[in-house]
C-alpha atoms as a PDB file:
ATOM      1  CA  UNK A   1       7.075 -29.482 -48.002  1.00  0.00           C
ATOM      2  CA  UNK A   2       6.985 -26.140 -48.916  1.00  0.00           C
ATOM      3  CA  UNK A   3       3.726 -25.217 -47.752  1.00  0.00           C
ATOM      4  CA  UNK A   4       4.694 -26.718 -44.259  1.00  0.00           C
ATOM      5  CA  UNK A   5       7.232 -24.578 -44.076  1.00  0.00           C
ATOM      6  CA  UNK A   6       5.156 -21.432 -45.279  1.00  0.00           C
ATOM      7  CA  UNK A   7       2.044 -22.395 -42.637  1.00  0.00           C
ATOM      8  CA  UNK A   8       4.561 -23.181 -39.869  1.00  0.00           C
ATOM      9  CA  UNK A   9       6.488 -19.483 -40.586  1.00  0.00           C
ATOM     10  CA  UNK A  10       2.905 -17.701 -40.686  1.00  0.00           C
ATOM     11  CA  UNK A  11       1.972 -19.610 -37.157  1.00  0.00           C
ATOM     12  CA  UNK A  12       5.053 -18.523 -35.554  1.00  0.00           C
ATOM     13  CA  UNK A  13       4.301 -14.541 -37.040  1.00  0.00           C
ATOM     14  CA  UNK A  14       0.722 -14.806 -35.833  1.00  0.00           C
ATOM     15  CA  UNK A  15       1.621 -15.977 -32.287  1.00  0.00           C
ATOM     16  CA  UNK A  16       4.586 -13.484 -31.784  1.00  0.00           C
ATOM     17  CA  UNK A  17       2.159 -10.519 -32.965  1.00  0.00           C
ATOM     18  CA  UNK A  18      -0.113 -11.758 -30.483  1.00  0.00           C
ATOM     19  CA  UNK A  19       1.854 -12.143 -27.404  1.00  0.00           C
ATOM     20  CA  UNK A  20       3.281  -8.507 -27.482  1.00  0.00           C
ATOM     21  CA  UNK A  21      -0.395  -7.339 -27.286  1.00  0.00           C
ATOM     22  CA  UNK A  22      -0.442  -6.314 -23.482  1.00  0.00           C
ATOM     23  CA  UNK A  23      -3.226  -5.553 -21.309  1.00  0.00           C
ATOM     24  CA  UNK A  24      -3.824  -2.059 -20.544  1.00  0.00           C
ATOM     25  CA  UNK A  25      -1.515  -0.794 -17.569  1.00  0.00           C
ATOM     26  CA  UNK A  26      -3.175  -1.203 -14.178  1.00  0.00           C
ATOM     27  CA  UNK A  27      -5.328   1.930 -13.539  1.00  0.00           C
ATOM     28  CA  UNK A  28      -3.758   1.717 -10.170  1.00  0.00           C
ATOM     29  CA  UNK A  29      -0.564   0.540 -10.052  1.00  0.00           C
ATOM     30  CA  UNK A  30       0.977  -1.768  -7.156  1.00  0.00           C
ATOM     31  CA  UNK A  31       4.219  -0.167  -5.268  1.00  0.00           C
ATOM     32  CA  UNK A  32       6.486  -0.892  -2.841  1.00  0.00           C
ATOM     33  CA  UNK A  33       8.529   1.032  -0.085  1.00  0.00           C
ATOM     34  CA  UNK A  34      11.073  -0.217   1.980  1.00  0.00           C
ATOM     35  CA  UNK A  35      12.906   1.050   5.152  1.00  0.00           C
ATOM     36  CA  UNK A  36      16.141  -0.277   6.340  1.00  0.00           C
ATOM     37  CA  UNK A  37      17.988   0.404   9.771  1.00  0.00           C
ATOM     38  CA  UNK A  38      21.433   1.847  10.196  1.00  0.00           C
ATOM     39  CA  UNK A  39      23.390  -0.980   9.551  1.00  0.00           C
ATOM     40  CA  UNK A  40      21.208  -1.317   6.293  1.00  0.00           C
ATOM     41  CA  UNK A  41      19.042  -4.753   7.329  1.00  0.00           C
ATOM     42  CA  UNK A  42      15.478  -4.062   6.307  1.00  0.00           C
ATOM     43  CA  UNK A  43      13.149  -2.750   8.768  1.00  0.00           C
ATOM     44  CA  UNK A  44       9.865  -2.398   7.278  1.00  0.00           C
ATOM     45  CA  UNK A  45       8.110  -2.873   3.628  1.00  0.00           C
ATOM     46  CA  UNK A  46       4.869  -1.761   2.610  1.00  0.00           C
ATOM     47  CA  UNK A  47       3.236  -3.023  -0.757  1.00  0.00           C
ATOM     48  CA  UNK A  48       0.081  -1.050  -1.978  1.00  0.00           C
ATOM     49  CA  UNK A  49      -1.822  -0.014  -5.071  1.00  0.00           C
ATOM     50  CA  UNK A  50      -1.736   3.464  -5.769  1.00  0.00           C
ATOM     51  CA  UNK A  51      -5.190   4.895  -7.034  1.00  0.00           C
ATOM     52  CA  UNK A  52      -5.003   8.425  -8.926  1.00  0.00           C
ATOM     53  CA  UNK A  53      -7.041  11.671  -7.669  1.00  0.00           C
ATOM     54  CA  UNK A  54      -7.711  12.440 -11.376  1.00  0.00           C
ATOM     55  CA  UNK A  55     -10.060  15.890 -10.361  1.00  0.00           C
ATOM     56  CA  UNK A  56     -12.525  13.833  -7.746  1.00  0.00           C
ATOM     57  CA  UNK A  57     -12.332  14.888  -4.468  1.00  0.00           C
ATOM     58  CA  UNK A  58     -11.038  12.415  -1.945  1.00  0.00           C
ATOM     59  CA  UNK A  59     -11.751  12.227   1.804  1.00  0.00           C
ATOM     60  CA  UNK A  60     -15.008  12.081   2.499  1.00  0.00           C
ATOM     61  CA  UNK A  61     -16.351  11.397  -0.778  1.00  0.00           C
ATOM     62  CA  UNK A  62     -13.998   8.753  -2.913  1.00  0.00           C
ATOM     63  CA  UNK A  63     -13.008   7.600   0.922  1.00  0.00           C
ATOM     64  CA  UNK A  64     -15.599   8.393   2.869  1.00  0.00           C
ATOM     65  CA  UNK A  65     -15.239   9.784   6.788  1.00  0.00           C
ATOM     66  CA  UNK A  66     -15.342   6.984   9.466  1.00  0.00           C
ATOM     67  CA  UNK A  67     -15.793   3.926   7.132  1.00  0.00           C
ATOM     68  CA  UNK A  68     -12.980   0.884   7.104  1.00  0.00           C
ATOM     69  CA  UNK A  69     -10.075   1.641   3.753  1.00  0.00           C
ATOM     70  CA  UNK A  70      -7.846  -0.955   2.625  1.00  0.00           C
ATOM     71  CA  UNK A  71      -5.491   2.049   2.113  1.00  0.00           C
ATOM     72  CA  UNK A  72      -5.338   2.616  -1.672  1.00  0.00           C
ATOM     73  CA  UNK A  73      -6.955   0.182  -4.549  1.00  0.00           C
ATOM     74  CA  UNK A  74      -6.955  -3.377  -4.861  1.00  0.00           C
ATOM     75  CA  UNK A  75      -5.954  -5.774  -2.533  1.00  0.00           C
ATOM     76  CA  UNK A  76      -5.311  -4.557   1.251  1.00  0.00           C
ATOM     77  CA  UNK A  77      -2.199  -2.853   1.901  1.00  0.00           C
ATOM     78  CA  UNK A  78       0.418  -5.507   3.023  1.00  0.00           C
ATOM     79  CA  UNK A  79       2.891  -4.039   5.738  1.00  0.00           C
ATOM     80  CA  UNK A  80       6.028  -6.310   6.518  1.00  0.00           C
ATOM     81  CA  UNK A  81       7.958  -5.686   9.892  1.00  0.00           C
ATOM     82  CA  UNK A  82      11.325  -7.807   9.605  1.00  0.00           C
ATOM     83  CA  UNK A  83      12.002  -7.452  13.479  1.00  0.00           C
ATOM     84  CA  UNK A  84      10.055  -6.550  16.272  1.00  0.00           C
ATOM     85  CA  UNK A  85       8.834  -2.695  16.445  1.00  0.00           C
ATOM     86  CA  UNK A  86       6.935  -0.385  18.139  1.00  0.00           C
ATOM     87  CA  UNK A  87       4.246   0.926  16.000  1.00  0.00           C
ATOM     88  CA  UNK A  88       3.064   4.702  17.524  1.00  0.00           C
ATOM     89  CA  UNK A  89       4.525   2.929  20.813  1.00  0.00           C
ATOM     90  CA  UNK A  90       2.567  -0.604  20.617  1.00  0.00           C
ATOM     91  CA  UNK A  91       4.891  -3.555  20.190  1.00  0.00           C
ATOM     92  CA  UNK A  92       4.221  -5.551  16.694  1.00  0.00           C
ATOM     93  CA  UNK A  93       6.074  -9.007  16.493  1.00  0.00           C
ATOM     94  CA  UNK A  94       7.848  -9.227  13.086  1.00  0.00           C
ATOM     95  CA  UNK A  95       5.788 -10.495  10.600  1.00  0.00           C
ATOM     96  CA  UNK A  96       3.223  -9.690   7.730  1.00  0.00           C
ATOM     97  CA  UNK A  97      -0.055  -8.075   8.502  1.00  0.00           C
ATOM     98  CA  UNK A  98      -2.906  -5.947   6.218  1.00  0.00           C
ATOM     99  CA  UNK A  99      -2.286  -2.463   6.478  1.00  0.00           C
ATOM    100  CA  UNK A 100      -6.537  -0.778   6.807  1.00  0.00           C
ATOM    101  CA  UNK A 101      -7.054   2.772   8.364  1.00  0.00           C
ATOM    102  CA  UNK A 102     -10.514   4.743   8.841  1.00  0.00           C
ATOM    103  CA  UNK A 103      -9.656   8.384   8.011  1.00  0.00           C
ATOM    104  CA  UNK A 104     -12.030  11.236   9.974  1.00  0.00           C
ATOM    105  CA  UNK A 105     -11.034  14.744   9.085  1.00  0.00           C
ATOM    106  CA  UNK A 106      -8.971  15.802  11.927  1.00  0.00           C
ATOM    107  CA  UNK A 107      -7.190  12.023  12.369  1.00  0.00           C
ATOM    108  CA  UNK A 108      -6.907   8.605  11.124  1.00  0.00           C
ATOM    109  CA  UNK A 109      -7.128   5.354  13.036  1.00  0.00           C
ATOM    110  CA  UNK A 110      -4.560   2.949  11.547  1.00  0.00           C
ATOM    111  CA  UNK A 111      -5.214  -0.592  12.181  1.00  0.00           C
ATOM    112  CA  UNK A 112      -2.504  -3.613  11.675  1.00  0.00           C
ATOM    113  CA  UNK A 113      -4.781  -7.133  10.935  1.00  0.00           C
ATOM    114  CA  UNK A 114      -3.798 -10.640  11.220  1.00  0.00           C
ATOM    115  CA  UNK A 115      -5.467 -11.461   8.218  1.00  0.00           C
ATOM    116  CA  UNK A 116      -3.290 -11.670   4.726  1.00  0.00           C
ATOM    117  CA  UNK A 117      -4.094 -11.658   0.925  1.00  0.00           C
ATOM    118  CA  UNK A 118      -7.224 -10.076   0.602  1.00  0.00           C
ATOM    119  CA  UNK A 119      -9.177  -7.900  -1.408  1.00  0.00           C
ATOM    120  CA  UNK A 120      -9.761  -4.505  -0.434  1.00  0.00           C
ATOM    121  CA  UNK A 121     -11.767  -4.043   2.748  1.00  0.00           C
ATOM    122  CA  UNK A 122     -15.157  -6.823   2.025  1.00  0.00           C
ATOM    123  CA  UNK A 123     -13.582  -9.459   3.926  1.00  0.00           C
ATOM    124  CA  UNK A 124     -12.109  -6.823   6.855  1.00  0.00           C
ATOM    125  CA  UNK A 125     -12.426  -9.036  10.264  1.00  0.00           C
ATOM    126  CA  UNK A 126     -12.047  -6.435  13.384  1.00  0.00           C
ATOM    127  CA  UNK A 127     -11.765  -9.232  15.532  1.00  0.00           C
ATOM    128  CA  UNK A 128      -8.223 -10.333  13.659  1.00  0.00           C
ATOM    129  CA  UNK A 129      -6.869  -6.910  14.327  1.00  0.00           C
ATOM    130  CA  UNK A 130      -3.754  -6.825  16.408  1.00  0.00           C
ATOM    131  CA  UNK A 131      -3.827  -3.092  16.998  1.00  0.00           C
ATOM    132  CA  UNK A 132      -5.753   0.159  16.287  1.00  0.00           C
ATOM    133  CA  UNK A 133      -4.127   3.548  17.098  1.00  0.00           C
ATOM    134  CA  UNK A 134      -4.756   6.987  16.226  1.00  0.00           C
ATOM    135  CA  UNK A 135      -2.850   9.577  14.015  1.00  0.00           C
ATOM    136  CA  UNK A 136      -3.361  13.311  13.405  1.00  0.00           C
ATOM    137  CA  UNK A 137      -4.560  14.129   9.738  1.00  0.00           C
ATOM    138  CA  UNK A 138      -2.169  16.710   8.445  1.00  0.00           C
ATOM    139  CA  UNK A 139      -2.523  18.890   5.309  1.00  0.00           C
ATOM    140  CA  UNK A 140       0.344  18.281   2.658  1.00  0.00           C
ATOM    141  CA  UNK A 141       2.120  21.578   1.270  1.00  0.00           C
ATOM    142  CA  UNK A 142       0.781  20.379  -2.633  1.00  0.00           C
ATOM    143  CA  UNK A 143      -1.897  18.577  -3.834  1.00  0.00           C
ATOM    144  CA  UNK A 144      -0.804  14.712  -4.031  1.00  0.00           C
ATOM    145  CA  UNK A 145      -2.158  13.122  -7.190  1.00  0.00           C
ATOM    146  CA  UNK A 146      -1.217   9.547  -6.499  1.00  0.00           C
ATOM    147  CA  UNK A 147      -1.685   8.219  -3.181  1.00  0.00           C
ATOM    148  CA  UNK A 148       1.568   7.427  -2.077  1.00  0.00           C
ATOM    149  CA  UNK A 149       3.823   5.822   1.311  1.00  0.00           C
ATOM    150  CA  UNK A 150       7.151   5.967   1.896  1.00  0.00           C
ATOM    151  CA  UNK A 151       9.101   5.938   5.086  1.00  0.00           C
ATOM    152  CA  UNK A 152      11.369   8.911   6.815  1.00  0.00           C
ATOM    153  CA  UNK A 153      14.180   7.000   8.337  1.00  0.00           C
ATOM    154  CA  UNK A 154      14.512   8.748  12.120  1.00  0.00           C
ATOM    155  CA  UNK A 155      17.100   7.646  14.212  1.00  0.00           C
ATOM    156  CA  UNK A 156      16.273   4.141  15.378  1.00  0.00           C
ATOM    157  CA  UNK A 157      13.287   3.235  12.916  1.00  0.00           C
ATOM    158  CA  UNK A 158      11.144   5.652  10.294  1.00  0.00           C
ATOM    159  CA  UNK A 159       8.235   7.654  10.256  1.00  0.00           C
ATOM    160  CA  UNK A 160       5.828   5.947   7.902  1.00  0.00           C
ATOM    161  CA  UNK A 161       3.965   8.677   5.798  1.00  0.00           C
ATOM    162  CA  UNK A 162       0.632   8.033   3.867  1.00  0.00           C
ATOM    163  CA  UNK A 163      -0.680  10.729   1.971  1.00  0.00           C
ATOM    164  CA  UNK A 164      -3.137  11.959  -0.850  1.00  0.00           C
ATOM    165  CA  UNK A 165      -5.085  14.940  -2.127  1.00  0.00           C
ATOM    166  CA  UNK A 166      -4.475  17.404   0.304  1.00  0.00           C
ATOM    167  CA  UNK A 167      -4.137  15.056   3.389  1.00  0.00           C
ATOM    168  CA  UNK A 168      -0.955  13.190   5.070  1.00  0.00           C
ATOM    169  CA  UNK A 169      -0.632  10.776   8.107  1.00  0.00           C
ATOM    170  CA  UNK A 170       2.682  10.287   9.969  1.00  0.00           C
ATOM    171  CA  UNK A 171       3.177   7.399  12.284  1.00  0.00           C
ATOM    172  CA  UNK A 172       6.659   6.885  14.016  1.00  0.00           C
ATOM    173  CA  UNK A 173       8.178   2.898  13.780  1.00  0.00           C
ATOM    174  CA  UNK A 174      10.904   2.040  16.070  1.00  0.00           C
ATOM    175  CA  UNK A 175      12.954  -1.005  16.578  1.00  0.00           C
ATOM    176  CA  UNK A 176      11.191  -2.723  20.127  1.00  0.00           C
ATOM    177  CA  UNK A 177      13.967  -3.129  22.720  1.00  0.00           C
END
């Protein structure tokens, strides 16, 4: 009986130490940002993975100019609108979409695509684009180490900011009338 108890105790100890052996943290961790209306109801949410610069040249090298980009790392960036919005002046119905970009030196093409739950931009299908719009590429005040997305609240909406390295873009989102 003591041998059985000892065996069971050894099994529990080995299981406990194995169960606590976490794998490495993702090199491009997932992040989420949300913006709210003035009444605190949600307007939009973005889920994305945030790669690091790590001394690399980003735009034009790691992220080529004039090519579709998943807008982050890992899965394509996902954007949810909780109500109808005007996205850089174009009406978008409430729903969840993929957010792709095509970076260029002076401007970016921002793409809202109907296909969701996709890895990278490998299965990107232009025929499923809900909209394409362009915004100017701007220089950051200081280098941004981690690709970052945030919202800057404005009256009746928010500006969506995406930045990495020495570049950022800004896209106005307003509640649709």
